Amino acid sequence: MIGRGASTFGSCSGGAESENDILVDLDPAIVVTIFYYAGVKEFIAGMFDRPVDVVSRESLRPRVQPKATADAIYAFLKPNATELK
């Protein structure tokens, strides 16, 4: 459903008690609509008991992307998606 991978980043990856920051790597072959993205966010939020902020790598601001990518701890990564950075 999500695509190539999902990871935690930011304060969540450091073990801090805050909202869960989830970075998703959507498959470029999937045509992403607002409804699809909302479904992904709802699906992921349903796995946690505290607030969740779900963002796609493509939606990260250029100044945030390098740190978020460096901090990322992958929950899953498709075998054919060995390099996402």
C-alpha atoms as a PDB file:
ATOM      1  CA  MET A   1       0.000   0.000   0.000  1.00  0.00           C
ATOM      2  CA  ILE A   2       2.710   2.518   0.916  1.00  0.00           C
ATOM      3  CA  GLY A   3       5.295   1.865  -1.735  1.00  0.00           C
ATOM      4  CA  ARG A   4       9.026   1.455  -1.315  1.00  0.00           C
ATOM      5  CA  GLY A   5       9.513   2.007   2.397  1.00  0.00           C
ATOM      6  CA  ALA A   6       8.586   3.669   5.666  1.00  0.00           C
ATOM      7  CA  SER A   7      10.749   5.007   8.461  1.00  0.00           C
ATOM      8  CA  THR A   8      10.671   7.056  11.614  1.00  0.00           C
ATOM      9  CA  PHE A   9      12.631  10.292  11.698  1.00  0.00           C
ATOM     10  CA  GLY A  10      13.216  13.368  13.827  1.00  0.00           C
ATOM     11  CA  SER A  11      12.655  13.222  17.573  1.00  0.00           C
ATOM     12  CA  CYS A  12      10.758   9.944  17.216  1.00  0.00           C
ATOM     13  CA  SER A  13      13.838   8.126  15.881  1.00  0.00           C
ATOM     14  CA  GLY A  14      15.836   9.364  18.849  1.00  0.00           C
ATOM     15  CA  GLY A  15      13.443   7.779  21.334  1.00  0.00           C
ATOM     16  CA  ALA A  16      11.800  11.027  22.492  1.00  0.00           C
ATOM     17  CA  GLU A  17       8.227  10.918  23.738  1.00  0.00           C
ATOM     18  CA  SER A  18       6.566  13.028  21.077  1.00  0.00           C
ATOM     19  CA  GLU A  19       4.352  12.452  18.098  1.00  0.00           C
ATOM     20  CA  ASN A  20       5.479   9.748  15.728  1.00  0.00           C
ATOM     21  CA  ASP A  21       7.122  11.251  12.651  1.00  0.00           C
ATOM     22  CA  ILE A  22       6.782   8.777   9.799  1.00  0.00           C
ATOM     23  CA  LEU A  23       8.503   9.235   6.446  1.00  0.00           C
ATOM     24  CA  VAL A  24       7.009   7.223   3.595  1.00  0.00           C
ATOM     25  CA  ASP A  25       8.671   6.531   0.276  1.00  0.00           C
ATOM     26  CA  LEU A  26       5.831   6.239  -2.192  1.00  0.00           C
ATOM     27  CA  ASP A  27       6.292   4.105  -5.276  1.00  0.00           C
ATOM     28  CA  PRO A  28       6.667   6.462  -8.246  1.00  0.00           C
ATOM     29  CA  ALA A  29       4.635   4.016 -10.371  1.00  0.00           C
ATOM     30  CA  ILE A  30       1.584   4.701  -8.184  1.00  0.00           C
ATOM     31  CA  VAL A  31      -0.559   7.669  -9.130  1.00  0.00           C
ATOM     32  CA  VAL A  32      -0.984   9.398  -5.779  1.00  0.00           C
ATOM     33  CA  THR A  33      -4.220  11.275  -5.267  1.00  0.00           C
ATOM     34  CA  ILE A  34      -5.230  13.185  -2.153  1.00  0.00           C
ATOM     35  CA  PHE A  35      -7.562  10.283  -1.300  1.00  0.00           C
ATOM     36  CA  TYR A  36      -4.767   7.717  -1.617  1.00  0.00           C
ATOM     37  CA  TYR A  37      -2.438   9.792   0.560  1.00  0.00           C
ATOM     38  CA  ALA A  38      -5.186  10.336   3.162  1.00  0.00           C
ATOM     39  CA  GLY A  39      -5.734   6.563   3.232  1.00  0.00           C
ATOM     40  CA  VAL A  40      -2.025   5.931   3.813  1.00  0.00           C
ATOM     41  CA  LYS A  41      -1.962   8.475   6.651  1.00  0.00           C
ATOM     42  CA  GLU A  42      -5.078   6.967   8.265  1.00  0.00           C
ATOM     43  CA  PHE A  43      -3.713   3.420   7.929  1.00  0.00           C
ATOM     44  CA  ILE A  44      -0.421   4.358   9.604  1.00  0.00           C
ATOM     45  CA  ALA A  45      -2.074   6.479  12.319  1.00  0.00           C
ATOM     46  CA  GLY A  46      -4.206   3.463  13.252  1.00  0.00           C
ATOM     47  CA  MET A  47      -1.056   1.606  14.326  1.00  0.00           C
ATOM     48  CA  PHE A  48      -0.155   4.065  17.077  1.00  0.00           C
ATOM     49  CA  ASP A  49      -1.711   5.296  20.308  1.00  0.00           C
ATOM     50  CA  ARG A  50      -0.328   8.838  20.048  1.00  0.00           C
ATOM     51  CA  PRO A  51      -0.392  11.516  17.334  1.00  0.00           C
ATOM     52  CA  VAL A  52       1.261  10.650  14.042  1.00  0.00           C
ATOM     53  CA  ASP A  53       2.692  12.980  11.413  1.00  0.00           C
ATOM     54  CA  VAL A  54       3.042  11.146   8.087  1.00  0.00           C
ATOM     55  CA  VAL A  55       4.976  12.828   5.286  1.00  0.00           C
ATOM     56  CA  SER A  56       6.282  11.658   1.949  1.00  0.00           C
ATOM     57  CA  ARG A  57       9.916  12.195   1.094  1.00  0.00           C
ATOM     58  CA  GLU A  58       8.864  14.290  -1.894  1.00  0.00           C
ATOM     59  CA  SER A  59       6.859  16.674   0.318  1.00  0.00           C
ATOM     60  CA  LEU A  60       9.741  17.481   2.688  1.00  0.00           C
ATOM     61  CA  ARG A  61      11.119  20.990   2.438  1.00  0.00           C
ATOM     62  CA  PRO A  62      14.633  21.082   0.945  1.00  0.00           C
ATOM     63  CA  ARG A  63      16.132  22.389   4.219  1.00  0.00           C
ATOM     64  CA  VAL A  64      14.528  19.538   6.229  1.00  0.00           C
ATOM     65  CA  GLN A  65      15.108  16.636   3.836  1.00  0.00           C
ATOM     66  CA  PRO A  66      18.849  16.005   4.513  1.00  0.00           C
ATOM     67  CA  LYS A  67      18.388  15.747   8.306  1.00  0.00           C
ATOM     68  CA  ALA A  68      15.181  13.713   8.054  1.00  0.00           C
ATOM     69  CA  THR A  69      16.854  11.314   5.648  1.00  0.00           C
ATOM     70  CA  ALA A  70      19.977  11.016   7.821  1.00  0.00           C
ATOM     71  CA  ASP A  71      17.859  10.363  10.958  1.00  0.00           C
ATOM     72  CA  ALA A  72      15.573   7.837   9.254  1.00  0.00           C
ATOM     73  CA  ILE A  73      15.218   4.431  10.876  1.00  0.00           C
ATOM     74  CA  TYR A  74      13.493   2.131   8.384  1.00  0.00           C
ATOM     75  CA  ALA A  75      10.626  -0.057   9.518  1.00  0.00           C
ATOM     76  CA  PHE A  76      10.569  -1.734   6.129  1.00  0.00           C
ATOM     77  CA  LEU A  77      12.238  -1.367   2.780  1.00  0.00           C
ATOM     78  CA  LYS A  78      11.302  -3.312  -0.327  1.00  0.00           C
ATOM     79  CA  PRO A  79      14.147  -5.555  -1.502  1.00  0.00           C
ATOM     80  CA  ASN A  80      14.462  -3.792  -4.873  1.00  0.00           C
ATOM     81  CA  ALA A  81      14.623  -0.349  -3.217  1.00  0.00           C
ATOM     82  CA  THR A  82      18.130  -0.552  -1.810  1.00  0.00           C
ATOM     83  CA  GLU A  83      18.914   3.135  -2.104  1.00  0.00           C
ATOM     84  CA  LEU A  84      16.317   5.822  -1.438  1.00  0.00           C
ATOM     85  CA  LYS A  85      18.467   8.834  -0.630  1.00  0.00           C
END
